[in-house]
Amino acid sequence: MIANLALYFALHTLFAQTRLWSAGPLHLTLPALDTFRPVAAVLTVLALVLVFGLRWPMLRVLLVCAALGAVAAFAGLPVG
């Protein structure tokens, strides 16, 4: 369940659109690669480095990433 939610949020955060692919009983949600969000990817990599590389506390990482996301939005970068 946790892995499913992690994949769902990653897919819908890093890509603006997704497509449903079906083959019989198998249904997969795949990203539309042309809708990749580079700002979200940079924030994701930064959060991974801060959490796993530098062992920062989660609250500090959330505050830093939220502040950088706000700066990116005010700068006019496509964040969402």
N, C-alpha and C. Protein backbone atom coordinates (compact mmCIF):
# COMPACT_ATOMS: atom_id res chain seq x y z
N MET A 1 0.82 -1.18 0.00
CA MET A 1 0.00 0.00 0.00
C MET A 1 0.88 1.26 0.00
N ILE A 2 1.92 1.27 0.80
CA ILE A 2 2.79 2.44 0.87
C ILE A 2 3.52 2.64 -0.45
N ALA A 3 4.02 1.56 -1.04
CA ALA A 3 4.71 1.66 -2.34
C ALA A 3 3.74 2.14 -3.41
N ASN A 4 2.50 1.67 -3.38
CA ASN A 4 1.51 2.09 -4.35
C ASN A 4 1.25 3.60 -4.24
N LEU A 5 1.10 4.09 -3.04
CA LEU A 5 0.89 5.53 -2.84
C LEU A 5 2.12 6.34 -3.26
N ALA A 6 3.30 5.84 -2.96
CA ALA A 6 4.52 6.54 -3.35
C ALA A 6 4.61 6.66 -4.86
N LEU A 7 4.32 5.57 -5.57
CA LEU A 7 4.36 5.62 -7.03
C LEU A 7 3.27 6.53 -7.60
N TYR A 8 2.09 6.49 -7.00
CA TYR A 8 0.99 7.34 -7.46
C TYR A 8 1.37 8.82 -7.32
N PHE A 9 1.85 9.21 -6.14
CA PHE A 9 2.19 10.61 -5.92
C PHE A 9 3.38 11.04 -6.77
N ALA A 10 4.37 10.18 -6.93
CA ALA A 10 5.52 10.52 -7.77
C ALA A 10 5.09 10.72 -9.21
N LEU A 11 4.25 9.82 -9.70
CA LEU A 11 3.79 9.91 -11.09
C LEU A 11 2.99 11.19 -11.34
N HIS A 12 2.11 11.53 -10.41
CA HIS A 12 1.25 12.69 -10.60
C HIS A 12 1.91 14.01 -10.18
N THR A 13 3.04 13.94 -9.52
CA THR A 13 3.78 15.15 -9.18
C THR A 13 4.78 15.50 -10.27
N LEU A 14 5.47 14.50 -10.80
CA LEU A 14 6.52 14.74 -11.78
C LEU A 14 6.00 14.91 -13.21
N PHE A 15 4.76 14.52 -13.46
CA PHE A 15 4.19 14.64 -14.80
C PHE A 15 2.81 15.28 -14.70
N ALA A 16 2.51 16.20 -15.62
CA ALA A 16 1.24 16.92 -15.60
C ALA A 16 0.10 16.04 -16.09
N GLN A 17 0.38 15.07 -16.96
CA GLN A 17 -0.67 14.21 -17.50
C GLN A 17 -0.21 12.76 -17.48
N THR A 18 -1.19 11.88 -17.40
CA THR A 18 -0.92 10.45 -17.46
C THR A 18 -1.87 9.82 -18.47
N ARG A 19 -1.52 8.61 -18.88
CA ARG A 19 -2.35 7.87 -19.83
C ARG A 19 -2.60 6.48 -19.25
N LEU A 20 -3.80 5.97 -19.49
CA LEU A 20 -4.14 4.63 -19.04
C LEU A 20 -3.82 3.63 -20.15
N TRP A 21 -3.07 2.60 -19.82
CA TRP A 21 -2.72 1.54 -20.77
C TRP A 21 -3.33 0.24 -20.26
N SER A 22 -4.07 -0.44 -21.11
CA SER A 22 -4.73 -1.68 -20.70
C SER A 22 -4.38 -2.81 -21.65
N ALA A 23 -4.21 -3.99 -21.08
CA ALA A 23 -4.01 -5.22 -21.84
C ALA A 23 -4.71 -6.33 -21.08
N GLY A 24 -5.92 -6.62 -21.47
CA GLY A 24 -6.70 -7.62 -20.76
C GLY A 24 -7.01 -7.14 -19.35
N PRO A 25 -6.70 -7.93 -18.35
CA PRO A 25 -7.00 -7.51 -16.98
C PRO A 25 -5.96 -6.54 -16.40
N LEU A 26 -4.87 -6.30 -17.12
CA LEU A 26 -3.81 -5.42 -16.64
C LEU A 26 -4.10 -3.98 -17.04
N HIS A 27 -4.10 -3.09 -16.06
CA HIS A 27 -4.31 -1.66 -16.30
C HIS A 27 -3.17 -0.89 -15.65
N LEU A 28 -2.45 -0.11 -16.44
CA LEU A 28 -1.33 0.67 -15.93
C LEU A 28 -1.54 2.14 -16.25
N THR A 29 -1.17 2.98 -15.32
CA THR A 29 -1.15 4.41 -15.56
C THR A 29 0.28 4.79 -15.90
N LEU A 30 0.48 5.32 -17.10
CA LEU A 30 1.81 5.69 -17.57
C LEU A 30 1.90 7.19 -17.74
N PRO A 31 3.08 7.76 -17.51
CA PRO A 31 3.21 9.21 -17.66
C PRO A 31 3.26 9.62 -19.13
N ALA A 32 2.74 10.80 -19.39
CA ALA A 32 2.92 11.44 -20.70
C ALA A 32 4.27 12.15 -20.60
N LEU A 33 5.28 11.59 -21.24
CA LEU A 33 6.66 12.06 -21.05
C LEU A 33 6.85 13.52 -21.46
N ASP A 34 6.02 14.01 -22.37
CA ASP A 34 6.17 15.40 -22.80
C ASP A 34 5.62 16.40 -21.77
N THR A 35 5.03 15.91 -20.67
CA THR A 35 4.51 16.79 -19.63
C THR A 35 5.36 16.75 -18.36
N PHE A 36 6.63 16.40 -18.51
CA PHE A 36 7.56 16.32 -17.38
C PHE A 36 7.72 17.68 -16.73
N ARG A 37 7.73 17.72 -15.40
CA ARG A 37 7.88 18.97 -14.64
C ARG A 37 9.28 19.03 -14.04
N PRO A 38 10.18 19.79 -14.65
CA PRO A 38 11.57 19.81 -14.17
C PRO A 38 11.73 20.45 -12.79
N VAL A 39 10.93 21.44 -12.44
CA VAL A 39 11.06 22.06 -11.12
C VAL A 39 10.71 21.05 -10.03
N ALA A 40 9.66 20.27 -10.24
CA ALA A 40 9.28 19.24 -9.27
C ALA A 40 10.37 18.18 -9.16
N ALA A 41 11.01 17.85 -10.28
CA ALA A 41 12.09 16.85 -10.26
C ALA A 41 13.29 17.37 -9.46
N VAL A 42 13.63 18.63 -9.63
CA VAL A 42 14.75 19.21 -8.90
C VAL A 42 14.44 19.23 -7.40
N LEU A 43 13.23 19.61 -7.03
CA LEU A 43 12.85 19.61 -5.62
C LEU A 43 12.84 18.19 -5.04
N THR A 44 12.44 17.23 -5.83
CA THR A 44 12.45 15.84 -5.39
C THR A 44 13.87 15.35 -5.12
N VAL A 45 14.77 15.63 -6.05
CA VAL A 45 16.17 15.22 -5.87
C VAL A 45 16.77 15.92 -4.67
N LEU A 46 16.48 17.20 -4.51
CA LEU A 46 16.98 17.94 -3.36
C LEU A 46 16.47 17.33 -2.05
N ALA A 47 15.19 17.00 -2.00
CA ALA A 47 14.62 16.40 -0.79
C ALA A 47 15.27 15.04 -0.50
N LEU A 48 15.52 14.25 -1.52
CA LEU A 48 16.17 12.97 -1.33
C LEU A 48 17.58 13.13 -0.77
N VAL A 49 18.31 14.10 -1.28
CA VAL A 49 19.67 14.36 -0.80
C VAL A 49 19.64 14.84 0.66
N LEU A 50 18.70 15.73 0.96
CA LEU A 50 18.63 16.26 2.32
C LEU A 50 18.23 15.18 3.33
N VAL A 51 17.28 14.33 2.96
CA VAL A 51 16.80 13.31 3.89
C VAL A 51 17.79 12.16 4.03
N PHE A 52 18.20 11.59 2.89
CA PHE A 52 19.03 10.38 2.95
C PHE A 52 20.53 10.67 2.97
N GLY A 53 20.94 11.75 2.33
CA GLY A 53 22.37 12.07 2.30
C GLY A 53 22.84 12.82 3.52
N LEU A 54 22.10 13.87 3.87
CA LEU A 54 22.50 14.71 5.00
C LEU A 54 21.76 14.40 6.29
N ARG A 55 20.77 13.50 6.21
CA ARG A 55 19.99 13.07 7.39
C ARG A 55 19.30 14.23 8.10
N TRP A 56 18.76 15.18 7.30
CA TRP A 56 18.01 16.28 7.89
C TRP A 56 16.67 15.78 8.42
N PRO A 57 16.12 16.44 9.43
CA PRO A 57 14.77 16.08 9.91
C PRO A 57 13.72 16.43 8.85
N MET A 58 12.65 15.65 8.84
CA MET A 58 11.62 15.81 7.81
C MET A 58 10.99 17.20 7.82
N LEU A 59 10.74 17.76 8.98
CA LEU A 59 10.11 19.08 9.04
C LEU A 59 11.00 20.14 8.39
N ARG A 60 12.28 20.08 8.61
CA ARG A 60 13.21 21.03 7.99
C ARG A 60 13.22 20.87 6.47
N VAL A 61 13.21 19.63 6.00
CA VAL A 61 13.19 19.37 4.56
C VAL A 61 11.90 19.91 3.94
N LEU A 62 10.78 19.68 4.60
CA LEU A 62 9.50 20.19 4.10
C LEU A 62 9.50 21.71 4.03
N LEU A 63 10.04 22.36 5.04
CA LEU A 63 10.08 23.83 5.04
C LEU A 63 10.97 24.36 3.93
N VAL A 64 12.13 23.74 3.74
CA VAL A 64 13.05 24.18 2.69
C VAL A 64 12.43 23.98 1.31
N CYS A 65 11.85 22.82 1.08
CA CYS A 65 11.25 22.54 -0.23
C CYS A 65 10.03 23.41 -0.49
N ALA A 66 9.23 23.67 0.53
CA ALA A 66 8.08 24.56 0.37
C ALA A 66 8.53 25.98 0.04
N ALA A 67 9.57 26.45 0.72
CA ALA A 67 10.09 27.79 0.45
C ALA A 67 10.65 27.88 -0.97
N LEU A 68 11.41 26.86 -1.39
CA LEU A 68 11.95 26.88 -2.75
C LEU A 68 10.86 26.77 -3.80
N GLY A 69 9.81 26.00 -3.51
CA GLY A 69 8.68 25.92 -4.43
C GLY A 69 7.97 27.25 -4.55
N ALA A 70 7.82 27.96 -3.43
CA ALA A 70 7.20 29.29 -3.46
C ALA A 70 8.06 30.28 -4.25
N VAL A 71 9.37 30.22 -4.05
CA VAL A 71 10.28 31.09 -4.81
C VAL A 71 10.18 30.80 -6.30
N ALA A 72 10.13 29.51 -6.66
CA ALA A 72 10.01 29.14 -8.07
C ALA A 72 8.69 29.65 -8.65
N ALA A 73 7.61 29.57 -7.87
CA ALA A 73 6.31 30.05 -8.35
C ALA A 73 6.32 31.57 -8.53
N PHE A 74 6.90 32.27 -7.59
CA PHE A 74 6.98 33.74 -7.71
C PHE A 74 7.90 34.16 -8.84
N ALA A 75 8.87 33.34 -9.16
CA ALA A 75 9.79 33.65 -10.28
C ALA A 75 9.16 33.33 -11.63
N GLY A 76 7.98 32.71 -11.61
CA GLY A 76 7.30 32.42 -12.85
C GLY A 76 7.67 31.10 -13.48
N LEU A 77 8.35 30.24 -12.73
CA LEU A 77 8.70 28.92 -13.27
C LEU A 77 7.46 28.02 -13.23
N PRO A 78 7.34 27.10 -14.17
CA PRO A 78 6.16 26.21 -14.18
C PRO A 78 6.25 25.16 -13.08
N VAL A 79 5.53 25.36 -11.99
CA VAL A 79 5.59 24.45 -10.86
C VAL A 79 4.37 23.55 -10.77
N GLY A 80 3.36 23.79 -11.49
CA GLY A 80 2.17 22.96 -11.35
C GLY A 80 1.27 23.03 -12.46
